[in-house]
Amino acid sequence: MQLVLEDGSTWHFPNPSAIRNALAQVDGVNNSFLILDRDETHFMQAARDPGTDFVVEYRDGDGAHHYQARGTLGFEAAAALFEGYAAGSGDWRGAVEWTLI
């Protein structure tokens, strides 16, 4: 598993501290997105524009399993999703409402 910022900064098997550090760097200016991937078709990503909250998506295999969290999320909510995804627990799925995209 790896965590990658738009600028190419990468963490392999990130812990919660690394996830929060990376997410804090997604400011919509220097880094507009962050991807946490298990492989090319299983990942979670967050994006934001300057001064906005996060748009979070995850993909669980093929394009028929690509979801976006309903609405935008603040830092704590986005961090909790990424931490749960990295830990491999399924609890994060029920933390927000997801819409198929």
PDB file of N, CA and C in Angstrom:
ATOM      1  N   MET A   1       0.858  -1.164   0.000  1.00  0.00           N
ATOM      2  CA  MET A   1       0.000   0.000   0.000  1.00  0.00           C
ATOM      3  C   MET A   1       0.902   1.225   0.000  1.00  0.00           C
ATOM      4  N   GLN A   2       0.497   2.218  -0.785  1.00  0.00           N
ATOM      5  CA  GLN A   2       1.266   3.453  -0.795  1.00  0.00           C
ATOM      6  C   GLN A   2       0.347   4.663  -0.856  1.00  0.00           C
ATOM      7  N   LEU A   3       0.854   5.749  -0.326  1.00  0.00           N
ATOM      8  CA  LEU A   3       0.162   7.028  -0.266  1.00  0.00           C
ATOM      9  C   LEU A   3       0.970   8.003  -1.110  1.00  0.00           C
ATOM     10  N   VAL A   4       0.318   8.662  -2.075  1.00  0.00           N
ATOM     11  CA  VAL A   4       1.036   9.534  -3.006  1.00  0.00           C
ATOM     12  C   VAL A   4       0.325  10.877  -3.121  1.00  0.00           C
ATOM     13  N   LEU A   5       1.087  11.948  -2.952  1.00  0.00           N
ATOM     14  CA  LEU A   5       0.595  13.304  -3.173  1.00  0.00           C
ATOM     15  C   LEU A   5       0.804  13.691  -4.631  1.00  0.00           C
ATOM     16  N   GLU A   6       0.093  14.700  -5.069  1.00  0.00           N
ATOM     17  CA  GLU A   6       0.238  15.198  -6.439  1.00  0.00           C
ATOM     18  C   GLU A   6       1.694  15.544  -6.764  1.00  0.00           C
ATOM     19  N   ASP A   7       2.441  16.066  -5.797  1.00  0.00           N
ATOM     20  CA  ASP A   7       3.829  16.458  -6.058  1.00  0.00           C
ATOM     21  C   ASP A   7       4.797  15.283  -6.114  1.00  0.00           C
ATOM     22  N   GLY A   8       4.277  14.057  -5.932  1.00  0.00           N
ATOM     23  CA  GLY A   8       5.109  12.863  -6.022  1.00  0.00           C
ATOM     24  C   GLY A   8       5.610  12.340  -4.689  1.00  0.00           C
ATOM     25  N   SER A   9       5.415  13.084  -3.611  1.00  0.00           N
ATOM     26  CA  SER A   9       5.809  12.587  -2.286  1.00  0.00           C
ATOM     27  C   SER A   9       5.073  11.281  -2.028  1.00  0.00           C
ATOM     28  N   THR A  10       5.798  10.283  -1.538  1.00  0.00           N
ATOM     29  CA  THR A  10       5.235   8.937  -1.394  1.00  0.00           C
ATOM     30  C   THR A  10       5.583   8.335  -0.045  1.00  0.00           C
ATOM     31  N   TRP A  11       4.610   7.665   0.570  1.00  0.00           N
ATOM     32  CA  TRP A  11       4.807   6.902   1.798  1.00  0.00           C
ATOM     33  C   TRP A  11       4.359   5.478   1.519  1.00  0.00           C
ATOM     34  N   HIS A  12       5.220   4.515   1.842  1.00  0.00           N
ATOM     35  CA  HIS A  12       4.855   3.106   1.685  1.00  0.00           C
ATOM     36  C   HIS A  12       4.335   2.585   3.026  1.00  0.00           C
ATOM     37  N   PHE A  13       3.210   1.910   2.985  1.00  0.00           N
ATOM     38  CA  PHE A  13       2.541   1.383   4.176  1.00  0.00           C
ATOM     39  C   PHE A  13       2.419   2.480   5.245  1.00  0.00           C
ATOM     40  N   PRO A  14       1.702   3.568   4.920  1.00  0.00           N
ATOM     41  CA  PRO A  14       1.627   4.721   5.820  1.00  0.00           C
ATOM     42  C   PRO A  14       0.877   4.425   7.114  1.00  0.00           C
ATOM     43  N   ASN A  15       1.385   5.000   8.194  1.00  0.00           N
ATOM     44  CA  ASN A  15       0.697   4.906   9.481  1.00  0.00           C
ATOM     45  C   ASN A  15      -0.239   6.116   9.607  1.00  0.00           C
ATOM     46  N   PRO A  16      -1.083   6.162  10.653  1.00  0.00           N
ATOM     47  CA  PRO A  16      -2.020   7.281  10.788  1.00  0.00           C
ATOM     48  C   PRO A  16      -1.349   8.655  10.789  1.00  0.00           C
ATOM     49  N   SER A  17      -0.180   8.760  11.385  1.00  0.00           N
ATOM     50  CA  SER A  17       0.532  10.037  11.403  1.00  0.00           C
ATOM     51  C   SER A  17       0.928  10.476   9.994  1.00  0.00           C
ATOM     52  N   ALA A  18       1.430   9.554   9.192  1.00  0.00           N
ATOM     53  CA  ALA A  18       1.805   9.872   7.806  1.00  0.00           C
ATOM     54  C   ALA A  18       0.572  10.262   6.986  1.00  0.00           C
ATOM     55  N   ILE A  19      -0.542   9.573   7.222  1.00  0.00           N
ATOM     56  CA  ILE A  19      -1.775   9.886   6.503  1.00  0.00           C
ATOM     57  C   ILE A  19      -2.221  11.302   6.824  1.00  0.00           C
ATOM     58  N   ARG A  20      -2.220  11.661   8.091  1.00  0.00           N
ATOM     59  CA  ARG A  20      -2.643  13.010   8.487  1.00  0.00           C
ATOM     60  C   ARG A  20      -1.679  14.075   7.960  1.00  0.00           C
ATOM     61  N   ASN A  21      -0.395  13.774   7.992  1.00  0.00           N
ATOM     62  CA  ASN A  21       0.606  14.703   7.465  1.00  0.00           C
ATOM     63  C   ASN A  21       0.384  14.943   5.972  1.00  0.00           C
ATOM     64  N   ALA A  22       0.180  13.871   5.233  1.00  0.00           N
ATOM     65  CA  ALA A  22      -0.029  14.000   3.785  1.00  0.00           C
ATOM     66  C   ALA A  22      -1.340  14.726   3.483  1.00  0.00           C
ATOM     67  N   LEU A  23      -2.404  14.367   4.190  1.00  0.00           N
ATOM     68  CA  LEU A  23      -3.699  14.996   3.954  1.00  0.00           C
ATOM     69  C   LEU A  23      -3.639  16.500   4.250  1.00  0.00           C
ATOM     70  N   ALA A  24      -2.873  16.879   5.245  1.00  0.00           N
ATOM     71  CA  ALA A  24      -2.723  18.296   5.577  1.00  0.00           C
ATOM     72  C   ALA A  24      -2.028  19.071   4.454  1.00  0.00           C
ATOM     73  N   GLN A  25      -1.285  18.376   3.616  1.00  0.00           N
ATOM     74  CA  GLN A  25      -0.592  19.022   2.507  1.00  0.00           C
ATOM     75  C   GLN A  25      -1.481  19.192   1.270  1.00  0.00           C
ATOM     76  N   VAL A  26      -2.666  18.586   1.291  1.00  0.00           N
ATOM     77  CA  VAL A  26      -3.601  18.750   0.177  1.00  0.00           C
ATOM     78  C   VAL A  26      -4.320  20.080   0.408  1.00  0.00           C
ATOM     79  N   ASP A  27      -3.774  21.122  -0.210  1.00  0.00           N
ATOM     80  CA  ASP A  27      -4.273  22.479   0.008  1.00  0.00           C
ATOM     81  C   ASP A  27      -4.938  23.079  -1.224  1.00  0.00           C
ATOM     82  N   GLY A  28      -4.939  22.343  -2.326  1.00  0.00           N
ATOM     83  CA  GLY A  28      -5.540  22.857  -3.547  1.00  0.00           C
ATOM     84  C   GLY A  28      -4.632  23.800  -4.306  1.00  0.00           C
ATOM     85  N   VAL A  29      -3.446  24.053  -3.789  1.00  0.00           N
ATOM     86  CA  VAL A  29      -2.488  24.940  -4.453  1.00  0.00           C
ATOM     87  C   VAL A  29      -1.271  24.137  -4.886  1.00  0.00           C
ATOM     88  N   ASN A  30      -0.492  23.675  -3.900  1.00  0.00           N
ATOM     89  CA  ASN A  30       0.703  22.878  -4.196  1.00  0.00           C
ATOM     90  C   ASN A  30       0.365  21.412  -4.451  1.00  0.00           C
ATOM     91  N   ASN A  31      -0.630  20.941  -3.768  1.00  0.00           N
ATOM     92  CA  ASN A  31      -1.126  19.570  -3.936  1.00  0.00           C
ATOM     93  C   ASN A  31      -2.646  19.625  -3.923  1.00  0.00           C
ATOM     94  N   SER A  32      -3.250  19.193  -5.011  1.00  0.00           N
ATOM     95  CA  SER A  32      -4.711  19.215  -5.065  1.00  0.00           C
ATOM     96  C   SER A  32      -5.318  17.835  -4.845  1.00  0.00           C
ATOM     97  N   PHE A  33      -4.486  16.793  -4.777  1.00  0.00           N
ATOM     98  CA  PHE A  33      -5.034  15.461  -4.520  1.00  0.00           C
ATOM     99  C   PHE A  33      -4.036  14.561  -3.812  1.00  0.00           C
ATOM    100  N   LEU A  34      -4.580  13.485  -3.266  1.00  0.00           N
ATOM    101  CA  LEU A  34      -3.848  12.465  -2.535  1.00  0.00           C
ATOM    102  C   LEU A  34      -4.477  11.128  -2.886  1.00  0.00           C
ATOM    103  N   ILE A  35      -3.659  10.112  -3.131  1.00  0.00           N
ATOM    104  CA  ILE A  35      -4.173   8.776  -3.459  1.00  0.00           C
ATOM    105  C   ILE A  35      -3.532   7.750  -2.528  1.00  0.00           C
ATOM    106  N   LEU A  36      -4.357   6.904  -1.941  1.00  0.00           N
ATOM    107  CA  LEU A  36      -3.908   5.775  -1.140  1.00  0.00           C
ATOM    108  C   LEU A  36      -4.318   4.531  -1.898  1.00  0.00           C
ATOM    109  N   ASP A  37      -3.334   3.799  -2.429  1.00  0.00           N
ATOM    110  CA  ASP A  37      -3.710   2.658  -3.264  1.00  0.00           C
ATOM    111  C   ASP A  37      -3.172   1.335  -2.751  1.00  0.00           C
ATOM    112  N   ARG A  38      -3.999   0.328  -2.979  1.00  0.00           N
ATOM    113  CA  ARG A  38      -3.586  -1.055  -2.732  1.00  0.00           C
ATOM    114  C   ARG A  38      -3.009  -1.629  -4.014  1.00  0.00           C
ATOM    115  N   ASP A  39      -3.616  -1.252  -5.136  1.00  0.00           N
ATOM    116  CA  ASP A  39      -3.149  -1.595  -6.477  1.00  0.00           C
ATOM    117  C   ASP A  39      -3.834  -0.626  -7.441  1.00  0.00           C
ATOM    118  N   GLU A  40      -3.704  -0.842  -8.725  1.00  0.00           N
ATOM    119  CA  GLU A  40      -4.219   0.111  -9.709  1.00  0.00           C
ATOM    120  C   GLU A  40      -5.739   0.248  -9.716  1.00  0.00           C
ATOM    121  N   THR A  41      -6.457  -0.742  -9.227  1.00  0.00           N
ATOM    122  CA  THR A  41      -7.917  -0.691  -9.274  1.00  0.00           C
ATOM    123  C   THR A  41      -8.580  -0.633  -7.896  1.00  0.00           C
ATOM    124  N   HIS A  42      -7.791  -0.585  -6.845  1.00  0.00           N
ATOM    125  CA  HIS A  42      -8.312  -0.498  -5.479  1.00  0.00           C
ATOM    126  C   HIS A  42      -7.615   0.659  -4.780  1.00  0.00           C
ATOM    127  N   PHE A  43      -8.353   1.757  -4.589  1.00  0.00           N
ATOM    128  CA  PHE A  43      -7.727   2.938  -3.996  1.00  0.00           C
ATOM    129  C   PHE A  43      -8.769   3.859  -3.379  1.00  0.00           C
ATOM    130  N   MET A  44      -8.266   4.780  -2.566  1.00  0.00           N
ATOM    131  CA  MET A  44      -9.062   5.882  -2.035  1.00  0.00           C
ATOM    132  C   MET A  44      -8.311   7.149  -2.412  1.00  0.00           C
ATOM    133  N   GLN A  45      -9.053   8.182  -2.773  1.00  0.00           N
ATOM    134  CA  GLN A  45      -8.413   9.442  -3.129  1.00  0.00           C
ATOM    135  C   GLN A  45      -9.208  10.611  -2.574  1.00  0.00           C
ATOM    136  N   ALA A  46      -8.489  11.692  -2.314  1.00  0.00           N
ATOM    137  CA  ALA A  46      -9.108  12.928  -1.847  1.00  0.00           C
ATOM    138  C   ALA A  46      -8.580  14.070  -2.699  1.00  0.00           C
ATOM    139  N   ALA A  47      -9.441  15.029  -2.951  1.00  0.00           N
ATOM    140  CA  ALA A  47      -9.052  16.216  -3.718  1.00  0.00           C
ATOM    141  C   ALA A  47      -9.721  17.420  -3.086  1.00  0.00           C
ATOM    142  N   ARG A  48      -9.118  18.582  -3.326  1.00  0.00           N
ATOM    143  CA  ARG A  48      -9.742  19.821  -2.853  1.00  0.00           C
ATOM    144  C   ARG A  48      -9.197  21.007  -3.623  1.00  0.00           C
ATOM    145  N   ASP A  49     -10.015  22.016  -3.685  1.00  0.00           N
ATOM    146  CA  ASP A  49      -9.628  23.307  -4.235  1.00  0.00           C
ATOM    147  C   ASP A  49      -9.263  24.207  -3.052  1.00  0.00           C
ATOM    148  N   PRO A  50      -8.521  25.290  -3.287  1.00  0.00           N
ATOM    149  CA  PRO A  50      -8.168  26.183  -2.184  1.00  0.00           C
ATOM    150  C   PRO A  50      -9.411  26.659  -1.417  1.00  0.00           C
ATOM    151  N   GLY A  51      -9.338  26.575  -0.091  1.00  0.00           N
ATOM    152  CA  GLY A  51     -10.411  27.074   0.748  1.00  0.00           C
ATOM    153  C   GLY A  51     -11.649  26.205   0.827  1.00  0.00           C
ATOM    154  N   THR A  52     -11.588  24.976   0.314  1.00  0.00           N
ATOM    155  CA  THR A  52     -12.748  24.089   0.355  1.00  0.00           C
ATOM    156  C   THR A  52     -12.435  22.845   1.180  1.00  0.00           C
ATOM    157  N   ASP A  53     -13.472  22.057   1.462  1.00  0.00           N
ATOM    158  CA  ASP A  53     -13.278  20.772   2.122  1.00  0.00           C
ATOM    159  C   ASP A  53     -12.933  19.719   1.076  1.00  0.00           C
ATOM    160  N   PHE A  54     -12.751  18.492   1.527  1.00  0.00           N
ATOM    161  CA  PHE A  54     -12.289  17.399   0.669  1.00  0.00           C
ATOM    162  C   PHE A  54     -13.429  16.685  -0.053  1.00  0.00           C
ATOM    163  N   VAL A  55     -13.182  16.303  -1.282  1.00  0.00           N
ATOM    164  CA  VAL A  55     -14.023  15.375  -2.031  1.00  0.00           C
ATOM    165  C   VAL A  55     -13.279  14.044  -1.951  1.00  0.00           C
ATOM    166  N   VAL A  56     -13.941  13.012  -1.437  1.00  0.00           N
ATOM    167  CA  VAL A  56     -13.298  11.712  -1.247  1.00  0.00           C
ATOM    168  C   VAL A  56     -13.992  10.669  -2.096  1.00  0.00           C
ATOM    169  N   GLU A  57     -13.199   9.842  -2.765  1.00  0.00           N
ATOM    170  CA  GLU A  57     -13.703   8.746  -3.594  1.00  0.00           C
ATOM    171  C   GLU A  57     -12.938   7.475  -3.260  1.00  0.00           C
ATOM    172  N   TYR A  58     -13.572   6.347  -3.565  1.00  0.00           N
ATOM    173  CA  TYR A  58     -12.831   5.092  -3.531  1.00  0.00           C
ATOM    174  C   TYR A  58     -13.275   4.218  -4.687  1.00  0.00           C
ATOM    175  N   ARG A  59     -12.374   3.376  -5.110  1.00  0.00           N
ATOM    176  CA  ARG A  59     -12.657   2.421  -6.179  1.00  0.00           C
ATOM    177  C   ARG A  59     -12.304   1.037  -5.662  1.00  0.00           C
ATOM    178  N   ASP A  60     -13.222   0.112  -5.872  1.00  0.00           N
ATOM    179  CA  ASP A  60     -13.068  -1.253  -5.375  1.00  0.00           C
ATOM    180  C   ASP A  60     -13.103  -2.227  -6.545  1.00  0.00           C
ATOM    181  N   GLY A  61     -12.096  -2.117  -7.401  1.00  0.00           N
ATOM    182  CA  GLY A  61     -12.025  -2.980  -8.571  1.00  0.00           C
ATOM    183  C   GLY A  61     -12.299  -2.212  -9.842  1.00  0.00           C
ATOM    184  N   ASP A  62     -13.274  -2.656 -10.590  1.00  0.00           N
ATOM    185  CA  ASP A  62     -13.566  -2.033 -11.890  1.00  0.00           C
ATOM    186  C   ASP A  62     -14.373  -0.747 -11.731  1.00  0.00           C
ATOM    187  N   GLY A  63     -14.619  -0.068 -12.854  1.00  0.00           N
ATOM    188  CA  GLY A  63     -15.331   1.198 -12.854  1.00  0.00           C
ATOM    189  C   GLY A  63     -16.748   1.114 -12.337  1.00  0.00           C
ATOM    190  N   ALA A  64     -17.330  -0.078 -12.310  1.00  0.00           N
ATOM    191  CA  ALA A  64     -18.683  -0.253 -11.781  1.00  0.00           C
ATOM    192  C   ALA A  64     -18.698  -0.173 -10.251  1.00  0.00           C
ATOM    193  N   HIS A  65     -17.519  -0.076  -9.647  1.00  0.00           N
ATOM    194  CA  HIS A  65     -17.399  -0.016  -8.189  1.00  0.00           C
ATOM    195  C   HIS A  65     -16.567   1.202  -7.775  1.00  0.00           C
ATOM    196  N   HIS A  66     -16.915   2.348  -8.326  1.00  0.00           N
ATOM    197  CA  HIS A  66     -16.227   3.611  -8.033  1.00  0.00           C
ATOM    198  C   HIS A  66     -17.248   4.526  -7.353  1.00  0.00           C
ATOM    199  N   TYR A  67     -16.939   4.963  -6.146  1.00  0.00           N
ATOM    200  CA  TYR A  67     -17.890   5.699  -5.316  1.00  0.00           C
ATOM    201  C   TYR A  67     -17.312   7.027  -4.839  1.00  0.00           C
ATOM    202  N   GLN A  68     -18.209   7.962  -4.574  1.00  0.00           N
ATOM    203  CA  GLN A  68     -17.817   9.257  -4.022  1.00  0.00           C
ATOM    204  C   GLN A  68     -18.644   9.515  -2.771  1.00  0.00           C
ATOM    205  N   ALA A  69     -17.983  10.038  -1.749  1.00  0.00           N
ATOM    206  CA  ALA A  69     -18.712  10.428  -0.534  1.00  0.00           C
ATOM    207  C   ALA A  69     -19.682  11.538  -0.882  1.00  0.00           C
ATOM    208  N   ARG A  70     -20.883  11.453  -0.339  1.00  0.00           N
ATOM    209  CA  ARG A  70     -21.892  12.489  -0.593  1.00  0.00           C
ATOM    210  C   ARG A  70     -21.460  13.764   0.127  1.00  0.00           C
ATOM    211  N   GLY A  71     -21.371  14.847  -0.616  1.00  0.00           N
ATOM    212  CA  GLY A  71     -20.939  16.124  -0.053  1.00  0.00           C
ATOM    213  C   GLY A  71     -19.438  16.158   0.159  1.00  0.00           C
ATOM    214  N   THR A  72     -18.981  17.261   0.727  1.00  0.00           N
ATOM    215  CA  THR A  72     -17.561  17.386   1.030  1.00  0.00           C
ATOM    216  C   THR A  72     -17.323  17.062   2.493  1.00  0.00           C
ATOM    217  N   LEU A  73     -16.077  16.746   2.811  1.00  0.00           N
ATOM    218  CA  LEU A  73     -15.732  16.324   4.164  1.00  0.00           C
ATOM    219  C   LEU A  73     -14.640  17.214   4.736  1.00  0.00           C
ATOM    220  N   GLY A  74     -14.735  17.495   6.019  1.00  0.00           N
ATOM    221  CA  GLY A  74     -13.682  18.209   6.720  1.00  0.00           C
ATOM    222  C   GLY A  74     -12.466  17.318   6.928  1.00  0.00           C
ATOM    223  N   PHE A  75     -11.412  17.911   7.462  1.00  0.00           N
ATOM    224  CA  PHE A  75     -10.152  17.192   7.640  1.00  0.00           C
ATOM    225  C   PHE A  75     -10.317  15.936   8.482  1.00  0.00           C
ATOM    226  N   GLU A  76     -10.958  16.037   9.642  1.00  0.00           N
ATOM    227  CA  GLU A  76     -11.078  14.884  10.546  1.00  0.00           C
ATOM    228  C   GLU A  76     -11.847  13.732   9.908  1.00  0.00           C
ATOM    229  N   ALA A  77     -12.932  14.040   9.230  1.00  0.00           N
ATOM    230  CA  ALA A  77     -13.726  12.989   8.583  1.00  0.00           C
ATOM    231  C   ALA A  77     -12.940  12.325   7.468  1.00  0.00           C
ATOM    232  N   ALA A  78     -12.239  13.109   6.658  1.00  0.00           N
ATOM    233  CA  ALA A  78     -11.432  12.546   5.568  1.00  0.00           C
ATOM    234  C   ALA A  78     -10.294  11.703   6.139  1.00  0.00           C
ATOM    235  N   ALA A  79      -9.634  12.208   7.179  1.00  0.00           N
ATOM    236  CA  ALA A  79      -8.530  11.461   7.790  1.00  0.00           C
ATOM    237  C   ALA A  79      -9.009  10.120   8.340  1.00  0.00           C
ATOM    238  N   ALA A  80     -10.167  10.107   8.979  1.00  0.00           N
ATOM    239  CA  ALA A  80     -10.710   8.861   9.532  1.00  0.00           C
ATOM    240  C   ALA A  80     -10.972   7.836   8.432  1.00  0.00           C
ATOM    241  N   LEU A  81     -11.491   8.279   7.287  1.00  0.00           N
ATOM    242  CA  LEU A  81     -11.718   7.365   6.171  1.00  0.00           C
ATOM    243  C   LEU A  81     -10.406   6.769   5.676  1.00  0.00           C
ATOM    244  N   PHE A  82      -9.409   7.611   5.484  1.00  0.00           N
ATOM    245  CA  PHE A  82      -8.114   7.131   4.996  1.00  0.00           C
ATOM    246  C   PHE A  82      -7.442   6.197   6.000  1.00  0.00           C
ATOM    247  N   GLU A  83      -7.532   6.517   7.267  1.00  0.00           N
ATOM    248  CA  GLU A  83      -6.940   5.663   8.294  1.00  0.00           C
ATOM    249  C   GLU A  83      -7.617   4.292   8.324  1.00  0.00           C
ATOM    250  N   GLY A  84      -8.944   4.267   8.222  1.00  0.00           N
ATOM    251  CA  GLY A  84      -9.666   2.999   8.196  1.00  0.00           C
ATOM    252  C   GLY A  84      -9.334   2.180   6.965  1.00  0.00           C
ATOM    253  N   TYR A  85      -9.252   2.853   5.817  1.00  0.00           N
ATOM    254  CA  TYR A  85      -8.914   2.161   4.571  1.00  0.00           C
ATOM    255  C   TYR A  85      -7.516   1.550   4.684  1.00  0.00           C
ATOM    256  N   ALA A  86      -6.565   2.318   5.198  1.00  0.00           N
ATOM    257  CA  ALA A  86      -5.188   1.825   5.332  1.00  0.00           C
ATOM    258  C   ALA A  86      -5.098   0.656   6.300  1.00  0.00           C
ATOM    259  N   ALA A  87      -5.927   0.677   7.338  1.00  0.00           N
ATOM    260  CA  ALA A  87      -5.917  -0.386   8.342  1.00  0.00           C
ATOM    261  C   ALA A  87      -6.576  -1.664   7.832  1.00  0.00           C
ATOM    262  N   GLY A  88      -7.328  -1.548   6.739  1.00  0.00           N
ATOM    263  CA  GLY A  88      -7.984  -2.725   6.179  1.00  0.00           C
ATOM    264  C   GLY A  88      -9.312  -3.063   6.828  1.00  0.00           C
ATOM    265  N   SER A  89      -9.795  -2.181   7.701  1.00  0.00           N
ATOM    266  CA  SER A  89     -11.100  -2.431   8.306  1.00  0.00           C
ATOM    267  C   SER A  89     -12.189  -1.977   7.341  1.00  0.00           C
ATOM    268  N   GLY A  90     -13.339  -2.568   7.419  1.00  0.00           N
ATOM    269  CA  GLY A  90     -14.441  -2.166   6.558  1.00  0.00           C
ATOM    270  C   GLY A  90     -15.323  -1.111   7.197  1.00  0.00           C
ATOM    271  N   ASP A  91     -14.990  -0.701   8.429  1.00  0.00           N
ATOM    272  CA  ASP A  91     -15.813   0.251   9.170  1.00  0.00           C
ATOM    273  C   ASP A  91     -15.966   1.594   8.461  1.00  0.00           C
ATOM    274  N   TRP A  92     -14.962   2.014   7.721  1.00  0.00           N
ATOM    275  CA  TRP A  92     -14.984   3.320   7.060  1.00  0.00           C
ATOM    276  C   TRP A  92     -16.129   3.424   6.060  1.00  0.00           C
ATOM    277  N   ARG A  93     -16.550   2.295   5.491  1.00  0.00           N
ATOM    278  CA  ARG A  93     -17.622   2.328   4.487  1.00  0.00           C
ATOM    279  C   ARG A  93     -18.931   2.875   5.053  1.00  0.00           C
ATOM    280  N   GLY A  94     -19.197   2.622   6.304  1.00  0.00           N
ATOM    281  CA  GLY A  94     -20.430   3.075   6.922  1.00  0.00           C
ATOM    282  C   GLY A  94     -20.335   4.449   7.572  1.00  0.00           C
ATOM    283  N   ALA A  95     -19.157   5.062   7.524  1.00  0.00           N
ATOM    284  CA  ALA A  95     -18.961   6.350   8.187  1.00  0.00           C
ATOM    285  C   ALA A  95     -19.604   7.511   7.434  1.00  0.00           C
ATOM    286  N   VAL A  96     -19.761   7.364   6.129  1.00  0.00           N
ATOM    287  CA  VAL A  96     -20.395   8.392   5.295  1.00  0.00           C
ATOM    288  C   VAL A  96     -21.296   7.699   4.278  1.00  0.00           C
ATOM    289  N   GLU A  97     -22.123   8.479   3.624  1.00  0.00           N
ATOM    290  CA  GLU A  97     -22.955   7.938   2.550  1.00  0.00           C
ATOM    291  C   GLU A  97     -22.169   8.011   1.251  1.00  0.00           C
ATOM    292  N   TRP A  98     -22.172   6.929   0.486  1.00  0.00           N
ATOM    293  CA  TRP A  98     -21.430   6.843  -0.776  1.00  0.00           C
ATOM    294  C   TRP A  98     -22.385   6.800  -1.946  1.00  0.00           C
ATOM    295  N   THR A  99     -21.994   7.454  -3.037  1.00  0.00           N
ATOM    296  CA  THR A  99     -22.766   7.475  -4.264  1.00  0.00           C
ATOM    297  C   THR A  99     -21.930   6.864  -5.377  1.00  0.00           C
ATOM    298  N   LEU A 100     -22.526   5.966  -6.141  1.00  0.00           N
ATOM    299  CA  LEU A 100     -21.831   5.370  -7.289  1.00  0.00           C
ATOM    300  C   LEU A 100     -21.595   6.439  -8.347  1.00  0.00           C
ATOM    301  N   ILE A 101     -20.362   6.500  -8.858  1.00  0.00           N
ATOM    302  CA  ILE A 101     -20.081   7.482  -9.922  1.00  0.00           C
ATOM    303  C   ILE A 101     -19.616   6.771 -11.190  1.00  0.00           C
TER     304      ILE A 101
END
